[in-house]
N, C-alpha and C. Protein backbone atom coordinates (compact mmCIF):
# COMPACT_ATOMS: atom_id res chain seq x y z
N MET A 1 44.38 -41.70 -4.88
CA MET A 1 43.19 -40.88 -4.93
C MET A 1 42.78 -40.63 -6.37
N ASN A 2 43.71 -40.51 -7.27
CA ASN A 2 43.40 -40.22 -8.65
C ASN A 2 42.50 -41.30 -9.27
N GLY A 3 42.71 -42.54 -8.87
CA GLY A 3 41.88 -43.63 -9.38
C GLY A 3 40.42 -43.47 -9.00
N TYR A 4 40.16 -42.97 -7.79
CA TYR A 4 38.79 -42.73 -7.35
C TYR A 4 38.14 -41.62 -8.17
N VAL A 5 38.90 -40.58 -8.45
CA VAL A 5 38.38 -39.46 -9.23
C VAL A 5 38.08 -39.92 -10.66
N GLU A 6 38.99 -40.68 -11.23
CA GLU A 6 38.78 -41.18 -12.58
C GLU A 6 37.57 -42.11 -12.64
N SER A 7 37.39 -42.94 -11.63
CA SER A 7 36.24 -43.83 -11.58
C SER A 7 34.95 -43.03 -11.49
N PHE A 8 34.93 -42.02 -10.61
CA PHE A 8 33.73 -41.18 -10.50
C PHE A 8 33.45 -40.47 -11.82
N ASN A 9 34.49 -39.88 -12.42
CA ASN A 9 34.28 -39.16 -13.67
C ASN A 9 33.71 -40.06 -14.75
N ALA A 10 34.18 -41.29 -14.84
CA ALA A 10 33.67 -42.23 -15.83
C ALA A 10 32.20 -42.56 -15.56
N LYS A 11 31.86 -42.82 -14.30
CA LYS A 11 30.46 -43.12 -13.96
C LYS A 11 29.57 -41.92 -14.23
N PHE A 12 30.04 -40.73 -13.84
CA PHE A 12 29.27 -39.51 -14.06
C PHE A 12 29.02 -39.29 -15.55
N ARG A 13 30.04 -39.48 -16.34
CA ARG A 13 29.90 -39.30 -17.79
C ARG A 13 28.96 -40.35 -18.38
N ASP A 14 29.17 -41.63 -18.03
CA ASP A 14 28.37 -42.71 -18.61
C ASP A 14 26.92 -42.70 -18.14
N GLU A 15 26.70 -42.43 -16.86
CA GLU A 15 25.37 -42.58 -16.29
C GLU A 15 24.57 -41.29 -16.23
N CYS A 16 25.22 -40.16 -16.42
CA CYS A 16 24.49 -38.89 -16.33
C CYS A 16 24.66 -38.07 -17.61
N LEU A 17 25.87 -37.66 -17.88
CA LEU A 17 26.07 -36.74 -19.00
C LEU A 17 25.73 -37.34 -20.36
N ASP A 18 26.08 -38.61 -20.58
CA ASP A 18 25.80 -39.24 -21.87
C ASP A 18 24.33 -39.62 -22.02
N GLU A 19 23.59 -39.63 -20.92
CA GLU A 19 22.18 -40.04 -20.96
C GLU A 19 21.21 -38.86 -21.09
N GLU A 20 21.69 -37.67 -20.88
CA GLU A 20 20.81 -36.50 -20.81
C GLU A 20 21.14 -35.49 -21.89
N LEU A 21 20.12 -34.75 -22.28
CA LEU A 21 20.30 -33.60 -23.15
C LEU A 21 19.82 -32.39 -22.35
N PHE A 22 20.72 -31.51 -22.05
CA PHE A 22 20.41 -30.36 -21.21
C PHE A 22 19.95 -29.19 -22.08
N TRP A 23 18.76 -28.68 -21.82
CA TRP A 23 18.22 -27.57 -22.58
C TRP A 23 18.53 -26.23 -21.92
N SER A 24 18.89 -26.26 -20.65
CA SER A 24 19.23 -25.03 -19.95
C SER A 24 20.20 -25.35 -18.82
N ARG A 25 20.83 -24.31 -18.32
CA ARG A 25 21.74 -24.48 -17.18
C ARG A 25 20.96 -24.93 -15.94
N GLY A 26 19.77 -24.40 -15.76
CA GLY A 26 18.94 -24.79 -14.62
C GLY A 26 18.56 -26.25 -14.66
N GLU A 27 18.19 -26.73 -15.85
CA GLU A 27 17.86 -28.15 -16.00
C GLU A 27 19.08 -29.02 -15.73
N ALA A 28 20.23 -28.60 -16.22
CA ALA A 28 21.47 -29.36 -15.97
C ALA A 28 21.75 -29.43 -14.48
N GLN A 29 21.55 -28.33 -13.76
CA GLN A 29 21.80 -28.31 -12.32
C GLN A 29 20.90 -29.30 -11.59
N VAL A 30 19.62 -29.34 -11.97
CA VAL A 30 18.66 -30.26 -11.33
C VAL A 30 19.07 -31.71 -11.58
N ILE A 31 19.44 -32.03 -12.80
CA ILE A 31 19.80 -33.41 -13.16
C ILE A 31 21.11 -33.82 -12.49
N VAL A 32 22.09 -32.93 -12.49
CA VAL A 32 23.38 -33.23 -11.84
C VAL A 32 23.20 -33.37 -10.33
N ASP A 33 22.38 -32.52 -9.73
CA ASP A 33 22.11 -32.64 -8.29
C ASP A 33 21.44 -33.97 -7.96
N ARG A 34 20.50 -34.39 -8.80
CA ARG A 34 19.84 -35.68 -8.59
C ARG A 34 20.85 -36.83 -8.65
N PHE A 35 21.75 -36.78 -9.64
CA PHE A 35 22.78 -37.81 -9.76
C PHE A 35 23.68 -37.81 -8.52
N ARG A 36 24.11 -36.61 -8.10
CA ARG A 36 25.00 -36.49 -6.94
C ARG A 36 24.35 -37.05 -5.67
N LYS A 37 23.09 -36.72 -5.45
CA LYS A 37 22.40 -37.21 -4.25
C LYS A 37 22.25 -38.72 -4.28
N GLU A 38 21.90 -39.28 -5.45
CA GLU A 38 21.81 -40.74 -5.56
C GLU A 38 23.17 -41.38 -5.34
N PHE A 39 24.20 -40.84 -5.96
CA PHE A 39 25.55 -41.40 -5.87
C PHE A 39 26.05 -41.40 -4.43
N ASN A 40 25.78 -40.33 -3.69
CA ASN A 40 26.29 -40.20 -2.32
C ASN A 40 25.41 -40.83 -1.25
N ASN A 41 24.12 -40.95 -1.49
CA ASN A 41 23.20 -41.38 -0.43
C ASN A 41 22.53 -42.72 -0.67
N ASP A 42 22.37 -43.13 -1.91
CA ASP A 42 21.59 -44.33 -2.20
C ASP A 42 22.39 -45.49 -2.77
N ARG A 43 23.54 -45.21 -3.33
CA ARG A 43 24.30 -46.24 -4.04
C ARG A 43 25.49 -46.72 -3.23
N PRO A 44 25.49 -48.01 -2.83
CA PRO A 44 26.66 -48.54 -2.12
C PRO A 44 27.86 -48.64 -3.07
N HIS A 45 29.05 -48.44 -2.52
CA HIS A 45 30.27 -48.48 -3.31
C HIS A 45 31.14 -49.64 -2.83
N LEU A 46 31.63 -50.42 -3.76
CA LEU A 46 32.48 -51.55 -3.43
C LEU A 46 33.72 -51.09 -2.67
N SER A 47 34.31 -49.98 -3.08
CA SER A 47 35.53 -49.49 -2.43
C SER A 47 35.28 -49.02 -0.99
N LEU A 48 34.02 -48.84 -0.63
CA LEU A 48 33.65 -48.40 0.73
C LEU A 48 33.00 -49.53 1.51
N GLY A 49 33.27 -50.76 1.12
CA GLY A 49 32.70 -51.90 1.83
C GLY A 49 31.20 -52.00 1.66
N GLN A 50 30.71 -51.71 0.46
CA GLN A 50 29.28 -51.74 0.14
C GLN A 50 28.47 -50.77 0.99
N ARG A 51 29.10 -49.66 1.37
CA ARG A 51 28.40 -48.59 2.07
C ARG A 51 28.35 -47.37 1.16
N THR A 52 27.44 -46.46 1.46
CA THR A 52 27.36 -45.24 0.67
C THR A 52 28.36 -44.23 1.22
N PRO A 53 28.77 -43.25 0.41
CA PRO A 53 29.64 -42.20 0.93
C PRO A 53 29.02 -41.48 2.14
N ALA A 54 27.71 -41.32 2.16
CA ALA A 54 27.05 -40.66 3.30
C ALA A 54 27.22 -41.50 4.56
N GLN A 55 27.12 -42.81 4.44
CA GLN A 55 27.31 -43.69 5.61
C GLN A 55 28.75 -43.60 6.11
N VAL A 56 29.69 -43.56 5.21
CA VAL A 56 31.10 -43.47 5.60
C VAL A 56 31.38 -42.12 6.25
N ALA A 57 30.81 -41.05 5.72
CA ALA A 57 31.01 -39.73 6.30
C ALA A 57 30.45 -39.68 7.72
N ALA A 58 29.35 -40.40 7.96
CA ALA A 58 28.74 -40.41 9.29
C ALA A 58 29.54 -41.27 10.27
N ASN A 59 30.27 -42.26 9.76
CA ASN A 59 31.03 -43.18 10.62
C ASN A 59 32.31 -43.60 9.90
N PRO A 60 33.30 -42.70 9.76
CA PRO A 60 34.51 -43.03 9.00
C PRO A 60 35.35 -44.13 9.62
N GLU A 61 35.25 -44.34 10.94
CA GLU A 61 36.04 -45.40 11.58
C GLU A 61 35.61 -46.78 11.09
N GLY A 62 34.41 -46.89 10.57
CA GLY A 62 33.91 -48.17 10.10
C GLY A 62 34.67 -48.73 8.92
N LEU A 63 35.54 -47.94 8.30
CA LEU A 63 36.31 -48.44 7.17
C LEU A 63 37.53 -49.24 7.60
N ALA A 64 38.02 -49.04 8.83
CA ALA A 64 39.20 -49.76 9.29
C ALA A 64 38.87 -51.25 9.42
N PRO A 65 39.78 -52.13 9.01
CA PRO A 65 39.53 -53.56 9.15
C PRO A 65 39.35 -53.94 10.61
N ARG A 66 38.56 -54.95 10.85
CA ARG A 66 38.39 -55.43 12.22
C ARG A 66 39.74 -55.92 12.74
N GLY A 67 40.03 -55.60 13.97
CA GLY A 67 41.29 -56.03 14.55
C GLY A 67 42.39 -55.01 14.37
N GLY A 68 42.07 -53.82 13.90
CA GLY A 68 43.08 -52.77 13.78
C GLY A 68 43.54 -52.58 12.36
N MET A 69 44.39 -51.61 12.18
CA MET A 69 44.84 -51.21 10.85
C MET A 69 45.75 -52.25 10.20
N ASN A 70 46.48 -53.03 10.98
CA ASN A 70 47.41 -53.99 10.39
C ASN A 70 46.81 -55.37 10.21
N GLY A 71 45.51 -55.51 10.52
CA GLY A 71 44.85 -56.79 10.33
C GLY A 71 45.01 -57.76 11.46
N HIS A 72 45.76 -57.40 12.48
CA HIS A 72 45.95 -58.26 13.64
C HIS A 72 45.04 -57.82 14.77
N ALA A 73 44.70 -58.72 15.64
CA ALA A 73 43.82 -58.40 16.75
C ALA A 73 44.47 -57.35 17.65
N SER A 74 43.63 -56.40 18.09
CA SER A 74 44.11 -55.36 18.99
C SER A 74 44.14 -55.88 20.41
N ASN A 75 45.08 -55.39 21.21
CA ASN A 75 45.16 -55.81 22.61
C ASN A 75 44.56 -54.79 23.50
């Protein structure tokens, strides 16, 4: 799990924090919320099978490999 957090933190820093200059806390909240919504709803993630976190949250079973958890066909 730590790898996912580190990956998110790096993307958040590179794509949001390093690109913006925040003049107020309110402005920072708006920009961070925009990034969060895009990250969770619009951007597919390789680790989620090219689905967005919102799609996975709506259908978490879709992450299991076809044929069951061990990769073999289910009976």
